[in-house]
PDB file of N, CA and C in Angstrom:
ATOM      1  N   UNK A   1       0.811  -1.188   0.000  1.00  0.00           N
ATOM      2  CA  UNK A   1       0.000   0.000   0.000  1.00  0.00           C
ATOM      3  C   UNK A   1       0.863   1.264   0.000  1.00  0.00           C
ATOM      4  N   UNK A   2       1.994   1.204   0.753  1.00  0.00           N
ATOM      5  CA  UNK A   2       2.885   2.349   0.798  1.00  0.00           C
ATOM      6  C   UNK A   2       3.471   2.630  -0.589  1.00  0.00           C
ATOM      7  N   UNK A   3       3.727   1.580  -1.357  1.00  0.00           N
ATOM      8  CA  UNK A   3       4.278   1.741  -2.716  1.00  0.00           C
ATOM      9  C   UNK A   3       3.301   2.507  -3.600  1.00  0.00           C
ATOM     10  N   UNK A   4       2.074   2.150  -3.545  1.00  0.00           N
ATOM     11  CA  UNK A   4       1.059   2.811  -4.374  1.00  0.00           C
ATOM     12  C   UNK A   4       0.905   4.274  -3.942  1.00  0.00           C
ATOM     13  N   UNK A   5       0.850   4.502  -2.641  1.00  0.00           N
ATOM     14  CA  UNK A   5       0.702   5.862  -2.135  1.00  0.00           C
ATOM     15  C   UNK A   5       1.901   6.722  -2.519  1.00  0.00           C
ATOM     16  N   UNK A   6       3.106   6.195  -2.383  1.00  0.00           N
ATOM     17  CA  UNK A   6       4.293   6.979  -2.745  1.00  0.00           C
ATOM     18  C   UNK A   6       4.353   7.203  -4.256  1.00  0.00           C
ATOM     19  N   UNK A   7       3.881   6.247  -5.044  1.00  0.00           N
ATOM     20  CA  UNK A   7       3.825   6.410  -6.497  1.00  0.00           C
ATOM     21  C   UNK A   7       2.846   7.502  -6.899  1.00  0.00           C
ATOM     22  N   UNK A   8       1.698   7.523  -6.254  1.00  0.00           N
ATOM     23  CA  UNK A   8       0.686   8.547  -6.536  1.00  0.00           C
ATOM     24  C   UNK A   8       1.211   9.925  -6.121  1.00  0.00           C
ATOM     25  N   UNK A   9       1.859  10.009  -4.983  1.00  0.00           N
ATOM     26  CA  UNK A   9       2.427  11.278  -4.524  1.00  0.00           C
ATOM     27  C   UNK A   9       3.493  11.763  -5.511  1.00  0.00           C
ATOM     28  N   UNK A  10       4.325  10.864  -5.999  1.00  0.00           N
ATOM     29  CA  UNK A  10       5.369  11.230  -6.959  1.00  0.00           C
ATOM     30  C   UNK A  10       4.755  11.785  -8.236  1.00  0.00           C
ATOM     31  N   UNK A  11       3.694  11.151  -8.710  1.00  0.00           N
ATOM     32  CA  UNK A  11       3.016  11.623  -9.921  1.00  0.00           C
ATOM     33  C   UNK A  11       2.402  13.004  -9.675  1.00  0.00           C
ATOM     34  N   UNK A  12       1.770  13.201  -8.542  1.00  0.00           N
ATOM     35  CA  UNK A  12       1.155  14.489  -8.223  1.00  0.00           C
ATOM     36  C   UNK A  12       2.217  15.583  -8.128  1.00  0.00           C
ATOM     37  N   UNK A  13       3.340  15.294  -7.507  1.00  0.00           N
ATOM     38  CA  UNK A  13       4.423  16.272  -7.394  1.00  0.00           C
ATOM     39  C   UNK A  13       4.967  16.615  -8.786  1.00  0.00           C
ATOM     40  N   UNK A  14       5.140  15.613  -9.629  1.00  0.00           N
ATOM     41  CA  UNK A  14       5.657  15.852 -10.984  1.00  0.00           C
ATOM     42  C   UNK A  14       4.688  16.702 -11.796  1.00  0.00           C
ATOM     43  N   UNK A  15       3.405  16.406 -11.718  1.00  0.00           N
ATOM     44  CA  UNK A  15       2.402  17.180 -12.450  1.00  0.00           C
ATOM     45  C   UNK A  15       2.346  18.610 -11.920  1.00  0.00           C
ATOM     46  N   UNK A  16       2.402  18.783 -10.618  1.00  0.00           N
ATOM     47  CA  UNK A  16       2.367  20.123 -10.032  1.00  0.00           C
ATOM     48  C   UNK A  16       3.600  20.925 -10.434  1.00  0.00           C
ATOM     49  N   UNK A  17       4.762  20.301 -10.433  1.00  0.00           N
ATOM     50  CA  UNK A  17       5.986  21.004 -10.826  1.00  0.00           C
ATOM     51  C   UNK A  17       5.921  21.417 -12.289  1.00  0.00           C
ATOM     52  N   UNK A  18       5.422  20.572 -13.132  1.00  0.00           N
ATOM     53  CA  UNK A  18       5.317  20.886 -14.559  1.00  0.00           C
ATOM     54  C   UNK A  18       4.283  21.980 -14.803  1.00  0.00           C
ATOM     55  N   UNK A  19       3.233  21.997 -14.022  1.00  0.00           N
ATOM     56  CA  UNK A  19       2.159  22.980 -14.215  1.00  0.00           C
ATOM     57  C   UNK A  19       2.620  24.400 -13.896  1.00  0.00           C
ATOM     58  N   UNK A  20       3.601  24.557 -13.035  1.00  0.00           N
ATOM     59  CA  UNK A  20       4.029  25.884 -12.628  1.00  0.00           C
ATOM     60  C   UNK A  20       5.316  26.358 -13.299  1.00  0.00           C
ATOM     61  N   UNK A  21       5.825  25.617 -14.249  1.00  0.00           N
ATOM     62  CA  UNK A  21       7.000  26.095 -14.986  1.00  0.00           C
ATOM     63  C   UNK A  21       6.535  27.002 -16.107  1.00  0.00           C
ATOM     64  N   UNK A  22       7.310  28.057 -16.375  1.00  0.00           N
ATOM     65  CA  UNK A  22       6.956  29.014 -17.418  1.00  0.00           C
ATOM     66  C   UNK A  22       7.447  28.518 -18.769  1.00  0.00           C
ATOM     67  N   UNK A  23       6.638  28.754 -19.763  1.00  0.00           N
ATOM     68  CA  UNK A  23       7.040  28.423 -21.119  1.00  0.00           C
ATOM     69  C   UNK A  23       8.075  29.436 -21.585  1.00  0.00           C
ATOM     70  N   UNK A  24       8.943  29.017 -22.472  1.00  0.00           N
ATOM     71  CA  UNK A  24       9.956  29.898 -23.017  1.00  0.00           C
ATOM     72  C   UNK A  24       9.276  30.970 -23.854  1.00  0.00           C
ATOM     73  N   UNK A  25       9.567  32.249 -23.571  1.00  0.00           N
ATOM     74  CA  UNK A  25       8.873  33.339 -24.247  1.00  0.00           C
ATOM     75  C   UNK A  25       9.637  33.850 -25.465  1.00  0.00           C
ATOM     76  N   UNK A  26      10.141  32.961 -26.264  1.00  0.00           N
ATOM     77  CA  UNK A  26      10.798  33.389 -27.487  1.00  0.00           C
ATOM     78  C   UNK A  26       9.734  33.687 -28.521  1.00  0.00           C
ATOM     79  N   UNK A  27       9.823  34.862 -29.104  1.00  0.00           N
ATOM     80  CA  UNK A  27       8.862  35.188 -30.146  1.00  0.00           C
ATOM     81  C   UNK A  27       9.295  34.511 -31.436  1.00  0.00           C
ATOM     82  N   UNK A  28       8.356  34.078 -32.220  1.00  0.00           N
ATOM     83  CA  UNK A  28       8.721  33.425 -33.470  1.00  0.00           C
ATOM     84  C   UNK A  28       9.406  34.427 -34.393  1.00  0.00           C
ATOM     85  N   UNK A  29      10.369  33.931 -35.134  1.00  0.00           N
ATOM     86  CA  UNK A  29      11.050  34.808 -36.076  1.00  0.00           C
ATOM     87  C   UNK A  29      10.108  35.136 -37.218  1.00  0.00           C
ATOM     88  N   UNK A  30       9.796  36.387 -37.325  1.00  0.00           N
ATOM     89  CA  UNK A  30       8.938  36.873 -38.387  1.00  0.00           C
ATOM     90  C   UNK A  30       9.667  38.001 -39.080  1.00  0.00           C
ATOM     91  N   UNK A  31       9.615  38.028 -40.372  1.00  0.00           N
ATOM     92  CA  UNK A  31      10.312  39.071 -41.109  1.00  0.00           C
ATOM     93  C   UNK A  31       9.409  40.269 -41.350  1.00  0.00           C
ATOM     94  N   UNK A  32      10.015  41.438 -41.316  1.00  0.00           N
ATOM     95  CA  UNK A  32       9.337  42.698 -41.563  1.00  0.00           C
ATOM     96  C   UNK A  32      10.180  43.529 -42.516  1.00  0.00           C
ATOM     97  N   UNK A  33       9.603  44.628 -43.008  1.00  0.00           N
ATOM     98  CA  UNK A  33      10.332  45.575 -43.835  1.00  0.00           C
ATOM     99  C   UNK A  33      10.893  46.654 -42.920  1.00  0.00           C
ATOM    100  N   UNK A  34      12.211  46.851 -42.962  1.00  0.00           N
ATOM    101  CA  UNK A  34      12.896  47.760 -42.048  1.00  0.00           C
ATOM    102  C   UNK A  34      13.201  49.096 -42.721  1.00  0.00           C
ATOM    103  N   UNK A  35      12.944  50.185 -41.985  1.00  0.00           N
ATOM    104  CA  UNK A  35      13.219  51.541 -42.439  1.00  0.00           C
ATOM    105  C   UNK A  35      14.085  52.245 -41.410  1.00  0.00           C
ATOM    106  N   UNK A  36      15.034  53.046 -41.869  1.00  0.00           N
ATOM    107  CA  UNK A  36      15.844  53.866 -40.963  1.00  0.00           C
ATOM    108  C   UNK A  36      14.991  55.016 -40.453  1.00  0.00           C
ATOM    109  N   UNK A  37      15.359  55.516 -39.273  1.00  0.00           N
ATOM    110  CA  UNK A  37      14.672  56.678 -38.715  1.00  0.00           C
ATOM    111  C   UNK A  37      15.684  57.788 -38.436  1.00  0.00           C
ATOM    112  N   UNK A  38      15.189  59.023 -38.387  1.00  0.00           N
ATOM    113  CA  UNK A  38      16.073  60.143 -38.070  1.00  0.00           C
ATOM    114  C   UNK A  38      16.195  60.294 -36.560  1.00  0.00           C
ATOM    115  N   UNK A  39      16.825  61.347 -36.114  1.00  0.00           N
ATOM    116  CA  UNK A  39      17.091  61.581 -34.700  1.00  0.00           C
ATOM    117  C   UNK A  39      15.807  61.677 -33.866  1.00  0.00           C
ATOM    118  N   UNK A  40      14.694  62.092 -34.506  1.00  0.00           N
ATOM    119  CA  UNK A  40      13.414  62.223 -33.809  1.00  0.00           C
ATOM    120  C   UNK A  40      12.534  60.981 -33.919  1.00  0.00           C
ATOM    121  N   UNK A  41      13.054  59.934 -34.548  1.00  0.00           N
ATOM    122  CA  UNK A  41      12.290  58.701 -34.712  1.00  0.00           C
ATOM    123  C   UNK A  41      11.369  58.709 -35.915  1.00  0.00           C
ATOM    124  N   UNK A  42      11.492  59.734 -36.783  1.00  0.00           N
ATOM    125  CA  UNK A  42      10.675  59.825 -37.992  1.00  0.00           C
ATOM    126  C   UNK A  42      11.310  58.953 -39.062  1.00  0.00           C
ATOM    127  N   UNK A  43      10.500  58.159 -39.719  1.00  0.00           N
ATOM    128  CA  UNK A  43      10.999  57.249 -40.753  1.00  0.00           C
ATOM    129  C   UNK A  43      11.538  58.034 -41.938  1.00  0.00           C
ATOM    130  N   UNK A  44      12.713  57.644 -42.391  1.00  0.00           N
ATOM    131  CA  UNK A  44      13.320  58.216 -43.580  1.00  0.00           C
ATOM    132  C   UNK A  44      12.944  57.304 -44.747  1.00  0.00           C
ATOM    133  N   UNK A  45      12.273  57.876 -45.754  1.00  0.00           N
ATOM    134  CA  UNK A  45      11.880  57.064 -46.901  1.00  0.00           C
ATOM    135  C   UNK A  45      13.119  56.480 -47.571  1.00  0.00           C
ATOM    136  N   UNK A  46      13.035  55.233 -47.956  1.00  0.00           N
ATOM    137  CA  UNK A  46      14.158  54.530 -48.566  1.00  0.00           C
ATOM    138  C   UNK A  46      14.238  54.816 -50.061  1.00  0.00           C
ATOM    139  N   UNK A  47      15.438  54.678 -50.607  1.00  0.00           N
ATOM    140  CA  UNK A  47      15.634  54.872 -52.050  1.00  0.00           C
ATOM    141  C   UNK A  47      15.658  53.543 -52.785  1.00  0.00           C
ATOM    142  N   UNK A  48      15.565  52.446 -52.053  1.00  0.00           N
ATOM    143  CA  UNK A  48      15.457  51.118 -52.657  1.00  0.00           C
ATOM    144  C   UNK A  48      14.506  50.295 -51.801  1.00  0.00           C
ATOM    145  N   UNK A  49      14.131  49.132 -52.288  1.00  0.00           N
ATOM    146  CA  UNK A  49      13.204  48.275 -51.542  1.00  0.00           C
ATOM    147  C   UNK A  49      13.804  48.005 -50.160  1.00  0.00           C
ATOM    148  N   UNK A  50      13.051  48.249 -49.087  1.00  0.00           N
ATOM    149  CA  UNK A  50      13.593  48.048 -47.742  1.00  0.00           C
ATOM    150  C   UNK A  50      13.909  46.577 -47.477  1.00  0.00           C
ATOM    151  N   UNK A  51      14.912  46.316 -46.642  1.00  0.00           N
ATOM    152  CA  UNK A  51      15.262  44.935 -46.323  1.00  0.00           C
ATOM    153  C   UNK A  51      14.103  44.215 -45.638  1.00  0.00           C
ATOM    154  N   UNK A  52      13.898  42.966 -46.016  1.00  0.00           N
ATOM    155  CA  UNK A  52      12.845  42.128 -45.440  1.00  0.00           C
ATOM    156  C   UNK A  52      13.535  41.027 -44.654  1.00  0.00           C
ATOM    157  N   UNK A  53      13.606  41.195 -43.333  1.00  0.00           N
ATOM    158  CA  UNK A  53      14.250  40.185 -42.506  1.00  0.00           C
ATOM    159  C   UNK A  53      13.744  40.255 -41.079  1.00  0.00           C
ATOM    160  N   UNK A  54      14.133  39.277 -40.272  1.00  0.00           N
ATOM    161  CA  UNK A  54      13.625  39.146 -38.909  1.00  0.00           C
ATOM    162  C   UNK A  54      14.275  40.119 -37.938  1.00  0.00           C
ATOM    163  N   UNK A  55      15.531  40.477 -38.170  1.00  0.00           N
ATOM    164  CA  UNK A  55      16.223  41.364 -37.249  1.00  0.00           C
ATOM    165  C   UNK A  55      16.603  42.669 -37.934  1.00  0.00           C
ATOM    166  N   UNK A  56      16.886  43.668 -37.140  1.00  0.00           N
ATOM    167  CA  UNK A  56      17.232  44.991 -37.637  1.00  0.00           C
ATOM    168  C   UNK A  56      18.526  44.940 -38.454  1.00  0.00           C
ATOM    169  N   UNK A  57      18.463  45.243 -39.755  1.00  0.00           N
ATOM    170  CA  UNK A  57      19.670  45.192 -40.576  1.00  0.00           C
ATOM    171  C   UNK A  57      20.567  46.409 -40.395  1.00  0.00           C
ATOM    172  N   UNK A  58      20.047  47.481 -39.796  1.00  0.00           N
ATOM    173  CA  UNK A  58      20.812  48.715 -39.662  1.00  0.00           C
ATOM    174  C   UNK A  58      21.562  48.790 -38.340  1.00  0.00           C
ATOM    175  N   UNK A  59      21.005  48.229 -37.295  1.00  0.00           N
ATOM    176  CA  UNK A  59      21.623  48.305 -35.982  1.00  0.00           C
ATOM    177  C   UNK A  59      21.645  49.740 -35.484  1.00  0.00           C
ATOM    178  N   UNK A  60      22.235  49.945 -34.359  1.00  0.00           N
ATOM    179  CA  UNK A  60      22.346  51.285 -33.799  1.00  0.00           C
ATOM    180  C   UNK A  60      23.809  51.682 -33.810  1.00  0.00           C
ATOM    181  N   UNK A  61      24.200  52.452 -34.792  1.00  0.00           N
ATOM    182  CA  UNK A  61      25.583  52.915 -34.814  1.00  0.00           C
ATOM    183  C   UNK A  61      25.731  54.071 -33.843  1.00  0.00           C
ATOM    184  N   UNK A  62      26.951  54.413 -33.519  1.00  0.00           N
ATOM    185  CA  UNK A  62      27.201  55.416 -32.488  1.00  0.00           C
ATOM    186  C   UNK A  62      26.679  56.801 -32.861  1.00  0.00           C
ATOM    187  N   UNK A  63      26.522  57.105 -34.151  1.00  0.00           N
ATOM    188  CA  UNK A  63      26.074  58.421 -34.552  1.00  0.00           C
ATOM    189  C   UNK A  63      24.569  58.580 -34.620  1.00  0.00           C
ATOM    190  N   UNK A  64      23.819  57.511 -34.447  1.00  0.00           N
ATOM    191  CA  UNK A  64      22.365  57.583 -34.573  1.00  0.00           C
ATOM    192  C   UNK A  64      21.690  57.651 -33.217  1.00  0.00           C
ATOM    193  N   UNK A  65      20.673  58.493 -33.101  1.00  0.00           N
ATOM    194  CA  UNK A  65      19.880  58.531 -31.874  1.00  0.00           C
ATOM    195  C   UNK A  65      18.649  57.658 -32.036  1.00  0.00           C
ATOM    196  N   UNK A  66      18.025  57.716 -33.211  1.00  0.00           N
ATOM    197  CA  UNK A  66      16.956  56.785 -33.533  1.00  0.00           C
ATOM    198  C   UNK A  66      17.659  55.620 -34.193  1.00  0.00           C
ATOM    199  N   UNK A  67      16.983  54.686 -34.686  1.00  0.00           N
ATOM    200  CA  UNK A  67      17.643  53.610 -35.428  1.00  0.00           C
ATOM    201  C   UNK A  67      16.768  53.180 -36.582  1.00  0.00           C
ATOM    202  N   UNK A  68      15.792  52.330 -36.281  1.00  0.00           N
ATOM    203  CA  UNK A  68      14.959  51.825 -37.356  1.00  0.00           C
ATOM    204  C   UNK A  68      13.629  51.317 -36.822  1.00  0.00           C
ATOM    205  N   UNK A  69      12.705  51.152 -37.753  1.00  0.00           N
ATOM    206  CA  UNK A  69      11.381  50.639 -37.427  1.00  0.00           C
ATOM    207  C   UNK A  69      11.020  49.567 -38.445  1.00  0.00           C
ATOM    208  N   UNK A  70      10.251  48.576 -37.987  1.00  0.00           N
ATOM    209  CA  UNK A  70       9.831  47.471 -38.844  1.00  0.00           C
ATOM    210  C   UNK A  70       8.327  47.557 -39.096  1.00  0.00           C
ATOM    211  N   UNK A  71       7.939  47.377 -40.348  1.00  0.00           N
ATOM    212  CA  UNK A  71       6.533  47.433 -40.759  1.00  0.00           C
ATOM    213  C   UNK A  71       6.154  46.166 -41.514  1.00  0.00           C
ATOM    214  N   UNK A  72       4.843  45.920 -41.585  1.00  0.00           N
ATOM    215  CA  UNK A  72       4.319  44.761 -42.309  1.00  0.00           C
ATOM    216  C   UNK A  72       4.587  44.837 -43.804  1.00  0.00           C
ATOM    217  N   UNK A  73       4.526  46.045 -44.355  1.00  0.00           N
ATOM    218  CA  UNK A  73       4.672  46.187 -45.800  1.00  0.00           C
ATOM    219  C   UNK A  73       5.232  47.564 -46.125  1.00  0.00           C
ATOM    220  N   UNK A  74       5.352  47.840 -47.398  1.00  0.00           N
ATOM    221  CA  UNK A  74       5.839  49.136 -47.842  1.00  0.00           C
ATOM    222  C   UNK A  74       5.066  49.544 -49.084  1.00  0.00           C
ATOM    223  N   UNK A  75       5.178  50.823 -49.432  1.00  0.00           N
ATOM    224  CA  UNK A  75       4.552  51.310 -50.665  1.00  0.00           C
ATOM    225  C   UNK A  75       5.605  52.038 -51.481  1.00  0.00           C
ATOM    226  N   UNK A  76       5.481  51.946 -52.783  1.00  0.00           N
ATOM    227  CA  UNK A  76       6.411  52.631 -53.665  1.00  0.00           C
ATOM    228  C   UNK A  76       5.782  53.951 -54.086  1.00  0.00           C
ATOM    229  N   UNK A  77       6.424  55.051 -53.704  1.00  0.00           N
ATOM    230  CA  UNK A  77       5.899  56.385 -53.992  1.00  0.00           C
ATOM    231  C   UNK A  77       6.383  56.911 -55.338  1.00  0.00           C
ATOM    232  N   UNK A  78       7.526  56.451 -55.755  1.00  0.00           N
ATOM    233  CA  UNK A  78       8.125  56.886 -57.013  1.00  0.00           C
ATOM    234  C   UNK A  78       9.139  55.852 -57.451  1.00  0.00           C
ATOM    235  N   UNK A  79       9.888  56.146 -58.526  1.00  0.00           N
ATOM    236  CA  UNK A  79      10.846  55.154 -59.022  1.00  0.00           C
ATOM    237  C   UNK A  79      11.894  54.756 -57.978  1.00  0.00           C
ATOM    238  N   UNK A  80      12.340  55.687 -57.158  1.00  0.00           N
ATOM    239  CA  UNK A  80      13.341  55.400 -56.123  1.00  0.00           C
ATOM    240  C   UNK A  80      12.906  55.956 -54.776  1.00  0.00           C
ATOM    241  N   UNK A  81      11.641  55.765 -54.438  1.00  0.00           N
ATOM    242  CA  UNK A  81      11.113  56.305 -53.189  1.00  0.00           C
ATOM    243  C   UNK A  81      10.141  55.300 -52.578  1.00  0.00           C
ATOM    244  N   UNK A  82      10.521  54.747 -51.421  1.00  0.00           N
ATOM    245  CA  UNK A  82       9.719  53.738 -50.745  1.00  0.00           C
ATOM    246  C   UNK A  82       9.392  54.216 -49.339  1.00  0.00           C
ATOM    247  N   UNK A  83       8.165  53.992 -48.917  1.00  0.00           N
ATOM    248  CA  UNK A  83       7.715  54.409 -47.586  1.00  0.00           C
ATOM    249  C   UNK A  83       7.044  53.230 -46.882  1.00  0.00           C
ATOM    250  N   UNK A  84       7.013  53.263 -45.553  1.00  0.00           N
ATOM    251  CA  UNK A  84       6.371  52.166 -44.822  1.00  0.00           C
ATOM    252  C   UNK A  84       4.862  52.151 -45.019  1.00  0.00           C
ATOM    253  N   UNK A  85       4.301  50.976 -44.909  1.00  0.00           N
ATOM    254  CA  UNK A  85       2.847  50.785 -44.964  1.00  0.00           C
ATOM    255  C   UNK A  85       2.506  49.660 -43.993  1.00  0.00           C
ATOM    256  N   UNK A  86       1.250  49.521 -43.702  1.00  0.00           N
ATOM    257  CA  UNK A  86       0.840  48.474 -42.774  1.00  0.00           C
ATOM    258  C   UNK A  86       1.076  48.897 -41.337  1.00  0.00           C
ATOM    259  N   UNK A  87       1.219  47.932 -40.472  1.00  0.00           N
ATOM    260  CA  UNK A  87       1.332  48.161 -39.033  1.00  0.00           C
ATOM    261  C   UNK A  87       2.782  48.233 -38.600  1.00  0.00           C
ATOM    262  N   UNK A  88       3.097  49.178 -37.716  1.00  0.00           N
ATOM    263  CA  UNK A  88       4.414  49.240 -37.093  1.00  0.00           C
ATOM    264  C   UNK A  88       4.546  48.032 -36.169  1.00  0.00           C
ATOM    265  N   UNK A  89       5.572  47.221 -36.367  1.00  0.00           N
ATOM    266  CA  UNK A  89       5.734  45.995 -35.578  1.00  0.00           C
ATOM    267  C   UNK A  89       6.864  46.059 -34.564  1.00  0.00           C
ATOM    268  N   UNK A  90       7.892  46.846 -34.854  1.00  0.00           N
ATOM    269  CA  UNK A  90       9.021  46.874 -33.943  1.00  0.00           C
ATOM    270  C   UNK A  90       9.797  48.168 -34.132  1.00  0.00           C
ATOM    271  N   UNK A  91      10.346  48.692 -33.033  1.00  0.00           N
ATOM    272  CA  UNK A  91      11.187  49.883 -33.078  1.00  0.00           C
ATOM    273  C   UNK A  91      12.484  49.582 -32.365  1.00  0.00           C
ATOM    274  N   UNK A  92      13.600  49.829 -33.031  1.00  0.00           N
ATOM    275  CA  UNK A  92      14.908  49.683 -32.407  1.00  0.00           C
ATOM    276  C   UNK A  92      15.454  51.075 -32.144  1.00  0.00           C
ATOM    277  N   UNK A  93      15.871  51.325 -30.915  1.00  0.00           N
ATOM    278  CA  UNK A  93      16.383  52.639 -30.526  1.00  0.00           C
ATOM    279  C   UNK A  93      17.753  52.471 -29.887  1.00  0.00           C
ATOM    280  N   UNK A  94      18.512  53.537 -29.985  1.00  0.00           N
ATOM    281  CA  UNK A  94      19.798  53.561 -29.295  1.00  0.00           C
ATOM    282  C   UNK A  94      19.510  53.757 -27.814  1.00  0.00           C
ATOM    283  N   UNK A  95      20.151  52.978 -26.965  1.00  0.00           N
ATOM    284  CA  UNK A  95      19.904  53.118 -25.524  1.00  0.00           C
ATOM    285  C   UNK A  95      20.362  54.456 -24.982  1.00  0.00           C
TER     286      UNK A  95
END
């Protein structure tokens, strides 16, 4: 009887421990269209199709106060003029 009781207790402890562990909060890698921003965080229209990738392709160099913003899509305003469209998904700023 003690074997069964200790087995049941072990199962209950294992289930309780598993129930209270947090899932890993890694966001899925999703690609967006990245645009550079000026010192005030205003998007600078690109002269070529913006990069489509999961991480910021511009990074924060030492001379930039803003950095970049990621959007769902872009629109072509002219032959060499591209602007963000869709929803703003991510903003990278210099600390």
